[in-house]
N, C-alpha and C. Protein backbone atom coordinates (compact mmCIF):
# COMPACT_ATOMS: atom_id res chain seq x y z
N MET A 1 -12.88 38.14 34.55
CA MET A 1 -13.85 38.10 33.41
C MET A 1 -13.12 38.07 32.12
N LYS A 2 -12.02 38.84 32.08
CA LYS A 2 -11.25 38.84 30.81
C LYS A 2 -10.68 37.50 30.56
N LYS A 3 -10.29 36.77 31.56
CA LYS A 3 -9.63 35.52 31.29
C LYS A 3 -10.74 34.52 30.78
N ALA A 4 -11.91 34.65 31.41
CA ALA A 4 -13.06 33.74 31.04
C ALA A 4 -13.39 33.94 29.52
N ILE A 5 -13.41 35.20 29.14
CA ILE A 5 -13.71 35.52 27.73
C ILE A 5 -12.62 35.00 26.72
N ILE A 6 -11.44 35.12 27.15
CA ILE A 6 -10.31 34.60 26.31
C ILE A 6 -10.36 33.13 26.26
N ALA A 7 -10.67 32.42 27.43
CA ALA A 7 -10.72 31.04 27.38
C ALA A 7 -11.82 30.51 26.51
N LEU A 8 -13.02 31.17 26.65
CA LEU A 8 -14.17 30.81 25.77
C LEU A 8 -13.86 30.95 24.27
N GLY A 9 -13.17 32.04 23.95
CA GLY A 9 -12.77 32.30 22.54
C GLY A 9 -11.77 31.19 22.09
N LEU A 10 -10.92 30.81 22.89
CA LEU A 10 -9.90 29.79 22.54
C LEU A 10 -10.63 28.43 22.36
N ILE A 11 -11.55 28.11 23.25
CA ILE A 11 -12.25 26.90 23.13
C ILE A 11 -13.12 26.83 21.80
N MET A 12 -13.75 28.01 21.49
CA MET A 12 -14.55 27.99 20.24
C MET A 12 -13.64 27.93 19.05
N PHE A 13 -12.39 28.51 19.10
CA PHE A 13 -11.43 28.39 17.94
C PHE A 13 -10.97 26.95 17.79
N VAL A 14 -10.69 26.27 18.92
CA VAL A 14 -10.22 24.83 18.73
C VAL A 14 -11.40 23.95 18.27
N CYS A 15 -12.59 24.20 18.69
CA CYS A 15 -13.74 23.43 18.30
C CYS A 15 -13.96 23.70 16.79
N GLY A 16 -13.75 24.89 16.33
CA GLY A 16 -13.88 25.23 14.95
C GLY A 16 -12.90 24.59 14.06
N LEU A 17 -11.62 24.42 14.61
CA LEU A 17 -10.61 23.75 13.92
C LEU A 17 -10.92 22.27 13.76
N VAL A 18 -11.36 21.68 14.80
CA VAL A 18 -11.76 20.21 14.77
C VAL A 18 -12.95 19.99 13.73
N GLY A 19 -13.92 20.79 13.82
CA GLY A 19 -15.09 20.71 12.98
C GLY A 19 -14.61 21.01 11.39
N ALA A 20 -13.72 21.88 11.33
CA ALA A 20 -13.28 22.25 9.80
C ALA A 20 -12.50 20.98 9.34
N GLN A 21 -11.73 20.37 10.12
CA GLN A 21 -10.99 19.21 9.67
C GLN A 21 -11.87 17.97 9.31
N ALA A 22 -12.97 17.85 9.91
CA ALA A 22 -13.79 16.70 9.68
C ALA A 22 -15.08 17.04 9.01
N ASN A 23 -15.02 17.67 7.87
CA ASN A 23 -16.14 18.07 7.13
C ASN A 23 -16.60 16.92 6.19
N ARG A 24 -17.87 16.78 6.04
CA ARG A 24 -18.49 15.67 5.19
C ARG A 24 -17.94 15.85 3.80
N GLY A 25 -17.47 14.71 3.26
CA GLY A 25 -16.95 14.73 1.93
C GLY A 25 -15.34 15.08 1.90
N GLY A 26 -14.85 15.51 3.07
CA GLY A 26 -13.40 15.89 3.09
C GLY A 26 -12.60 14.62 3.24
N THR A 27 -11.27 14.75 3.06
CA THR A 27 -10.33 13.68 3.16
C THR A 27 -9.49 13.81 4.44
N MET A 28 -9.42 12.68 5.11
CA MET A 28 -8.57 12.59 6.26
C MET A 28 -7.66 11.40 6.23
N PHE A 29 -6.75 11.24 7.19
CA PHE A 29 -5.72 10.22 7.10
C PHE A 29 -5.70 9.52 8.41
N VAL A 30 -5.40 8.19 8.37
CA VAL A 30 -5.20 7.41 9.63
C VAL A 30 -4.00 7.79 10.32
N ALA A 31 -4.11 8.27 11.58
CA ALA A 31 -2.98 8.78 12.40
C ALA A 31 -2.45 7.81 13.46
N THR A 32 -3.01 6.63 13.43
CA THR A 32 -2.53 5.59 14.38
C THR A 32 -1.98 4.36 13.57
N ARG A 33 -1.39 3.47 14.27
CA ARG A 33 -0.76 2.32 13.62
C ARG A 33 -1.80 1.50 12.76
N THR A 34 -2.89 1.30 13.33
CA THR A 34 -4.03 0.66 12.68
C THR A 34 -5.30 1.32 13.30
N VAL A 35 -6.49 1.23 12.55
CA VAL A 35 -7.74 1.71 13.05
C VAL A 35 -8.81 0.69 12.58
N ASP A 36 -9.63 0.33 13.59
CA ASP A 36 -10.82 -0.50 13.22
C ASP A 36 -11.91 0.37 12.80
N LEU A 37 -12.57 0.10 11.74
CA LEU A 37 -13.74 0.77 11.29
C LEU A 37 -14.98 -0.05 11.72
N LYS A 38 -15.72 0.51 12.62
CA LYS A 38 -16.83 -0.19 13.35
C LYS A 38 -18.16 -0.02 12.70
N ALA A 39 -19.10 -0.95 12.91
CA ALA A 39 -20.44 -0.93 12.34
C ALA A 39 -21.31 0.15 13.01
N GLY A 40 -20.93 0.60 14.14
CA GLY A 40 -21.61 1.67 14.85
C GLY A 40 -20.65 2.52 15.76
N THR A 41 -21.19 3.42 16.55
CA THR A 41 -20.32 4.31 17.25
C THR A 41 -19.84 3.78 18.57
N GLY A 42 -20.23 2.65 19.04
CA GLY A 42 -19.76 2.07 20.23
C GLY A 42 -18.45 1.38 20.13
N PHE A 43 -17.71 1.35 21.15
CA PHE A 43 -16.45 0.70 21.20
C PHE A 43 -16.54 -0.81 20.85
N PHE A 44 -17.65 -1.41 21.37
CA PHE A 44 -17.83 -2.81 21.17
C PHE A 44 -18.65 -3.13 19.92
N ALA A 45 -18.87 -2.22 19.07
CA ALA A 45 -19.58 -2.44 17.75
C ALA A 45 -18.72 -3.30 16.98
N ARG A 46 -19.39 -4.12 16.11
CA ARG A 46 -18.63 -5.11 15.19
C ARG A 46 -17.72 -4.33 14.33
N THR A 47 -16.49 -4.93 14.12
CA THR A 47 -15.46 -4.36 13.26
C THR A 47 -15.77 -4.66 11.81
N ASN A 48 -15.97 -3.70 10.93
CA ASN A 48 -16.14 -3.98 9.51
C ASN A 48 -14.82 -4.18 8.74
N ALA A 49 -13.85 -3.41 9.14
CA ALA A 49 -12.58 -3.39 8.35
C ALA A 49 -11.47 -2.69 9.28
N THR A 50 -10.22 -2.96 8.89
CA THR A 50 -9.11 -2.31 9.57
C THR A 50 -8.22 -1.60 8.51
N LEU A 51 -7.91 -0.28 8.88
CA LEU A 51 -7.06 0.43 7.92
C LEU A 51 -5.73 0.68 8.65
N ASN A 52 -4.72 1.06 7.81
CA ASN A 52 -3.34 1.25 8.36
C ASN A 52 -2.96 2.74 8.38
N TYR A 53 -1.90 2.93 9.14
CA TYR A 53 -1.31 4.31 9.32
C TYR A 53 -1.12 4.97 7.91
N GLY A 54 -1.66 6.19 7.78
CA GLY A 54 -1.47 6.95 6.55
C GLY A 54 -2.53 6.76 5.45
N ASP A 55 -3.40 5.68 5.69
CA ASP A 55 -4.45 5.45 4.74
C ASP A 55 -5.36 6.65 4.58
N ALA A 56 -5.75 6.99 3.43
CA ALA A 56 -6.68 8.10 3.20
C ALA A 56 -8.10 7.66 3.32
N VAL A 57 -8.98 8.49 3.91
CA VAL A 57 -10.35 8.17 4.05
C VAL A 57 -11.24 9.40 3.70
N THR A 58 -12.46 9.10 3.24
CA THR A 58 -13.41 10.21 2.93
C THR A 58 -14.43 10.19 4.11
N VAL A 59 -14.65 11.42 4.60
CA VAL A 59 -15.58 11.67 5.72
C VAL A 59 -17.01 11.59 5.18
N LEU A 60 -17.80 10.65 5.80
CA LEU A 60 -19.24 10.53 5.51
C LEU A 60 -20.10 11.35 6.33
N GLN A 61 -19.80 11.30 7.70
CA GLN A 61 -20.60 12.05 8.63
C GLN A 61 -19.83 12.14 10.01
N VAL A 62 -20.16 13.04 10.82
CA VAL A 62 -19.55 13.26 12.16
C VAL A 62 -20.59 13.25 13.19
N SER A 63 -20.46 12.55 14.28
CA SER A 63 -21.38 12.48 15.35
C SER A 63 -20.62 12.44 16.70
N GLY A 64 -20.59 13.72 17.22
CA GLY A 64 -19.77 13.86 18.45
C GLY A 64 -18.29 13.49 18.25
N LYS A 65 -17.73 12.56 19.06
CA LYS A 65 -16.39 12.28 18.99
C LYS A 65 -16.15 11.12 17.99
N TRP A 66 -17.18 10.70 17.26
CA TRP A 66 -17.13 9.60 16.32
C TRP A 66 -17.29 10.15 14.87
N ILE A 67 -16.70 9.47 13.96
CA ILE A 67 -16.67 9.93 12.57
C ILE A 67 -16.80 8.63 11.72
N GLU A 68 -17.73 8.83 10.70
CA GLU A 68 -18.02 7.67 9.77
C GLU A 68 -17.15 7.99 8.56
N VAL A 69 -16.42 7.01 8.07
CA VAL A 69 -15.46 7.20 6.92
C VAL A 69 -15.54 6.05 5.94
N ARG A 70 -15.03 6.39 4.73
CA ARG A 70 -14.87 5.29 3.72
C ARG A 70 -13.50 5.33 3.23
N SER A 71 -12.90 4.21 3.00
CA SER A 71 -11.49 4.10 2.58
C SER A 71 -11.43 4.67 1.13
N ALA A 72 -10.37 5.48 0.91
CA ALA A 72 -10.21 6.02 -0.45
C ALA A 72 -9.69 4.98 -1.42
N LEU A 73 -8.87 4.05 -0.88
CA LEU A 73 -8.35 2.99 -1.73
C LEU A 73 -9.34 1.93 -2.05
N ASN A 74 -10.26 1.57 -1.13
CA ASN A 74 -11.24 0.59 -1.33
C ASN A 74 -12.52 1.01 -0.77
N PRO A 75 -13.36 1.63 -1.67
CA PRO A 75 -14.62 2.20 -1.18
C PRO A 75 -15.58 1.25 -0.53
N SER A 76 -15.38 -0.07 -0.66
CA SER A 76 -16.19 -0.99 0.08
C SER A 76 -15.95 -1.10 1.47
N LEU A 77 -14.82 -0.55 1.98
CA LEU A 77 -14.47 -0.49 3.34
C LEU A 77 -14.92 0.81 4.03
N ASN A 78 -15.95 0.75 4.92
CA ASN A 78 -16.35 1.89 5.56
C ASN A 78 -16.84 1.56 6.97
N GLY A 79 -16.97 2.58 7.79
CA GLY A 79 -17.35 2.34 9.20
C GLY A 79 -17.07 3.64 10.07
N TRP A 80 -17.26 3.40 11.42
CA TRP A 80 -17.04 4.47 12.38
C TRP A 80 -15.77 4.33 13.07
N THR A 81 -15.14 5.40 13.55
CA THR A 81 -13.94 5.44 14.37
C THR A 81 -13.94 6.74 15.20
N ALA A 82 -13.16 6.69 16.18
CA ALA A 82 -13.04 7.98 16.98
C ALA A 82 -12.28 9.01 16.17
N THR A 83 -12.64 10.25 16.26
CA THR A 83 -11.95 11.34 15.45
C THR A 83 -10.49 11.42 15.81
N ALA A 84 -10.15 11.10 17.08
CA ALA A 84 -8.76 11.13 17.51
C ALA A 84 -7.87 10.23 16.64
N ASN A 85 -8.44 9.24 15.92
CA ASN A 85 -7.64 8.26 15.18
C ASN A 85 -7.29 8.85 13.82
N LEU A 86 -7.77 9.99 13.46
CA LEU A 86 -7.57 10.63 12.15
C LEU A 86 -6.92 12.00 12.24
N THR A 87 -6.30 12.42 11.16
CA THR A 87 -5.70 13.73 11.06
C THR A 87 -6.04 14.29 9.69
N ALA A 88 -6.10 15.62 9.58
CA ALA A 88 -6.35 16.27 8.32
C ALA A 88 -5.03 16.43 7.48
N ARG A 89 -3.89 16.29 8.20
CA ARG A 89 -2.57 16.40 7.52
C ARG A 89 -2.19 15.09 6.80
N GLN A 90 -1.87 15.22 5.48
CA GLN A 90 -1.48 14.06 4.71
C GLN A 90 -0.17 13.54 5.28
N ILE A 91 -0.06 12.22 5.34
CA ILE A 91 1.11 11.62 5.88
C ILE A 91 1.85 10.98 4.74
N VAL A 92 3.08 11.46 4.47
CA VAL A 92 3.93 11.12 3.39
C VAL A 92 5.28 10.67 3.94
N PRO A 93 5.47 9.36 4.05
CA PRO A 93 6.84 8.89 4.49
C PRO A 93 7.86 9.15 3.46
N SER A 94 9.09 9.54 3.76
CA SER A 94 10.13 9.77 2.85
C SER A 94 10.66 8.54 2.29
N SER A 95 11.12 8.58 1.04
CA SER A 95 11.42 7.26 0.33
C SER A 95 12.64 6.53 0.89
N GLY A 96 13.58 7.21 1.50
CA GLY A 96 14.79 6.54 1.99
C GLY A 96 14.71 6.30 3.47
N THR A 97 13.59 6.36 4.11
CA THR A 97 13.48 6.24 5.59
C THR A 97 13.75 4.79 6.11
N THR A 98 14.31 4.79 7.24
CA THR A 98 14.57 3.48 7.94
C THR A 98 13.71 3.47 9.17
N ALA A 99 12.85 4.40 9.37
CA ALA A 99 12.00 4.45 10.56
C ALA A 99 10.95 3.35 10.55
N THR A 100 10.70 2.87 11.78
CA THR A 100 9.64 1.88 11.85
C THR A 100 8.28 2.54 11.82
N THR A 101 7.25 1.77 11.61
CA THR A 101 5.84 2.28 11.54
C THR A 101 5.52 3.02 12.77
N ARG A 102 5.97 2.38 13.93
CA ARG A 102 5.72 3.04 15.28
C ARG A 102 6.43 4.28 15.37
N GLU A 103 7.58 4.38 14.95
CA GLU A 103 8.36 5.72 15.00
C GLU A 103 7.72 6.78 14.16
N VAL A 104 7.28 6.44 12.97
CA VAL A 104 6.58 7.32 12.09
C VAL A 104 5.34 7.76 12.72
N ALA A 105 4.54 6.94 13.35
CA ALA A 105 3.30 7.31 14.01
C ALA A 105 3.52 8.20 15.22
N LEU A 106 4.54 7.99 15.96
CA LEU A 106 4.90 8.76 17.09
C LEU A 106 5.35 10.24 16.64
N ALA A 107 6.11 10.19 15.61
CA ALA A 107 6.65 11.52 15.04
C ALA A 107 5.50 12.28 14.56
N GLY A 108 4.48 11.59 13.91
CA GLY A 108 3.31 12.32 13.42
C GLY A 108 2.53 13.00 14.58
N LYS A 109 2.66 12.51 15.71
CA LYS A 109 1.97 13.12 16.90
C LYS A 109 3.00 14.00 17.67
N GLY A 110 4.19 14.24 17.15
CA GLY A 110 5.13 15.21 17.73
C GLY A 110 6.10 14.56 18.59
N PHE A 111 6.10 13.19 18.73
CA PHE A 111 7.05 12.48 19.67
C PHE A 111 8.12 11.74 18.82
N ASP A 112 9.29 12.13 18.90
CA ASP A 112 10.32 11.54 18.18
C ASP A 112 11.52 11.08 19.03
N ARG A 113 12.63 10.53 18.46
CA ARG A 113 13.72 10.02 19.21
C ARG A 113 14.35 11.23 20.03
N GLU A 114 14.37 12.46 19.47
CA GLU A 114 14.92 13.61 20.21
C GLU A 114 14.09 13.92 21.50
N VAL A 115 12.79 13.90 21.35
CA VAL A 115 11.92 14.10 22.45
C VAL A 115 12.10 13.07 23.49
N GLU A 116 12.17 11.77 23.07
CA GLU A 116 12.39 10.67 24.09
C GLU A 116 13.73 10.87 24.80
N ASN A 117 14.78 11.29 24.05
CA ASN A 117 16.06 11.39 24.68
C ASN A 117 16.02 12.55 25.75
N THR A 118 15.31 13.66 25.37
CA THR A 118 15.12 14.77 26.35
C THR A 118 14.40 14.26 27.66
N TYR A 119 13.37 13.42 27.48
CA TYR A 119 12.65 12.94 28.65
C TYR A 119 13.65 12.02 29.49
N ARG A 120 14.42 11.27 28.81
CA ARG A 120 15.38 10.45 29.58
C ARG A 120 16.32 11.21 30.42
N GLN A 121 16.79 12.37 29.74
CA GLN A 121 17.83 13.25 30.49
C GLN A 121 17.14 14.00 31.59
N THR A 122 15.91 14.56 31.45
CA THR A 122 15.32 15.34 32.45
C THR A 122 14.46 14.52 33.46
N ARG A 123 14.09 13.36 33.16
CA ARG A 123 13.32 12.56 34.09
C ARG A 123 14.00 11.22 34.22
N GLY A 124 15.17 11.19 34.86
CA GLY A 124 15.97 10.01 35.07
C GLY A 124 15.18 8.88 35.78
N GLY A 125 15.55 7.74 35.46
CA GLY A 125 14.91 6.52 36.06
C GLY A 125 13.74 5.99 35.33
N LEU A 126 13.24 6.63 34.26
CA LEU A 126 12.17 6.16 33.54
C LEU A 126 12.53 4.91 32.73
N ASN A 127 11.86 3.91 32.74
CA ASN A 127 12.12 2.58 32.07
C ASN A 127 11.40 2.55 30.80
N TYR A 128 11.93 2.83 29.65
CA TYR A 128 11.15 2.82 28.45
C TYR A 128 10.90 1.41 27.98
N ALA A 129 11.76 0.46 28.38
CA ALA A 129 11.52 -0.96 27.94
C ALA A 129 10.19 -1.41 28.52
N ASP A 130 9.83 -0.95 29.81
CA ASP A 130 8.55 -1.30 30.41
C ASP A 130 7.39 -0.62 29.62
N VAL A 131 7.61 0.52 29.14
CA VAL A 131 6.60 1.27 28.24
C VAL A 131 6.21 0.32 27.03
N ASP A 132 7.47 -0.11 26.43
CA ASP A 132 7.26 -0.93 25.22
C ASP A 132 6.51 -2.25 25.57
N LYS A 133 6.74 -2.86 26.68
CA LYS A 133 6.11 -4.11 27.11
C LYS A 133 4.64 -3.79 27.23
N ILE A 134 4.26 -2.73 27.85
CA ILE A 134 2.84 -2.36 28.12
C ILE A 134 2.12 -2.08 26.76
N GLU A 135 2.81 -1.39 25.89
CA GLU A 135 2.20 -1.20 24.60
C GLU A 135 1.90 -2.40 23.81
N ALA A 136 2.67 -3.43 24.06
CA ALA A 136 2.54 -4.72 23.39
C ALA A 136 1.48 -5.57 23.89
N ILE A 137 0.88 -5.17 25.12
CA ILE A 137 -0.17 -5.98 25.68
C ILE A 137 -1.46 -5.85 24.89
N THR A 138 -2.07 -6.86 24.50
CA THR A 138 -3.40 -6.78 23.77
C THR A 138 -4.49 -7.59 24.53
N VAL A 139 -5.67 -7.09 24.52
CA VAL A 139 -6.83 -7.79 25.11
C VAL A 139 -7.93 -7.86 24.10
N ASN A 140 -8.43 -9.04 23.77
CA ASN A 140 -9.50 -9.04 22.77
C ASN A 140 -10.78 -8.47 23.30
N GLU A 141 -11.59 -8.00 22.42
CA GLU A 141 -12.76 -7.18 22.89
C GLU A 141 -13.76 -8.11 23.60
N ALA A 142 -13.87 -9.36 23.25
CA ALA A 142 -14.82 -10.22 23.98
C ALA A 142 -14.39 -10.38 25.48
N ALA A 143 -13.12 -10.50 25.71
CA ALA A 143 -12.60 -10.64 27.10
C ALA A 143 -12.84 -9.33 27.84
N LEU A 144 -12.57 -8.20 27.21
CA LEU A 144 -12.74 -6.93 27.82
C LEU A 144 -14.27 -6.71 28.15
N LEU A 145 -15.15 -7.00 27.21
CA LEU A 145 -16.53 -6.93 27.43
C LEU A 145 -17.02 -7.74 28.62
N ARG A 146 -16.51 -8.96 28.71
CA ARG A 146 -16.89 -9.79 29.73
C ARG A 146 -16.32 -9.27 31.08
N PHE A 147 -15.18 -8.73 31.14
CA PHE A 147 -14.54 -8.14 32.31
C PHE A 147 -15.43 -7.00 32.85
N LEU A 148 -15.87 -6.18 31.90
CA LEU A 148 -16.79 -5.02 32.29
C LEU A 148 -18.16 -5.43 32.82
N GLN A 149 -18.67 -6.55 32.16
CA GLN A 149 -20.01 -6.96 32.55
C GLN A 149 -19.94 -7.66 33.93
N GLU A 150 -18.93 -8.55 34.11
CA GLU A 150 -18.81 -9.21 35.37
C GLU A 150 -18.50 -8.26 36.52
N GLY A 151 -17.80 -7.27 36.33
CA GLY A 151 -17.41 -6.28 37.31
C GLY A 151 -18.49 -5.16 37.47
N ARG A 152 -19.62 -5.37 36.65
CA ARG A 152 -20.72 -4.44 36.73
C ARG A 152 -20.20 -2.99 36.52
N LEU A 153 -19.31 -2.85 35.56
CA LEU A 153 -18.77 -1.59 35.26
C LEU A 153 -19.57 -0.88 34.13
N GLN A 154 -19.59 0.40 34.12
CA GLN A 154 -20.33 1.09 32.97
C GLN A 154 -19.51 1.01 31.68
N ILE A 155 -20.17 0.56 30.63
CA ILE A 155 -19.41 0.40 29.35
C ILE A 155 -19.17 1.66 28.70
N GLY A 156 -20.07 2.60 28.67
CA GLY A 156 -19.98 3.91 27.95
C GLY A 156 -19.91 3.66 26.51
N ASP A 157 -19.33 4.66 25.72
CA ASP A 157 -19.31 4.56 24.29
C ASP A 157 -17.91 4.43 23.82
């Protein structure tokens, strides 16, 4: 019983943090390499605009795991994205950095060269070149939607 109460308290605390970070009118930042701002909350909704890593946005509204935002640099750019694509922490690259955009994005999520080296040492045989190849694969949304429809798979949100 004690564990259940502690777990419930922890869940409420985490939910409170997420809600506090995504308040209407608040500022958040793009935490992924790029993010598409959609016309609606569905994955296959039309893309209104694309923002880049670190771009500031103003929160317009939150609906479940989706958040409607407006670009701080160009207020004509707005739309919906998943809350996981944003962070409340301002992203400020250092002026003399030689890191790639990918490395900066991974470091922002807590994954850097040191963590990668530790994984290599403790989990021998992992092929990071294959991970890079997989990350480079892209599928356009029309082909993905056709695949889901032809396979009679549930599209979801």
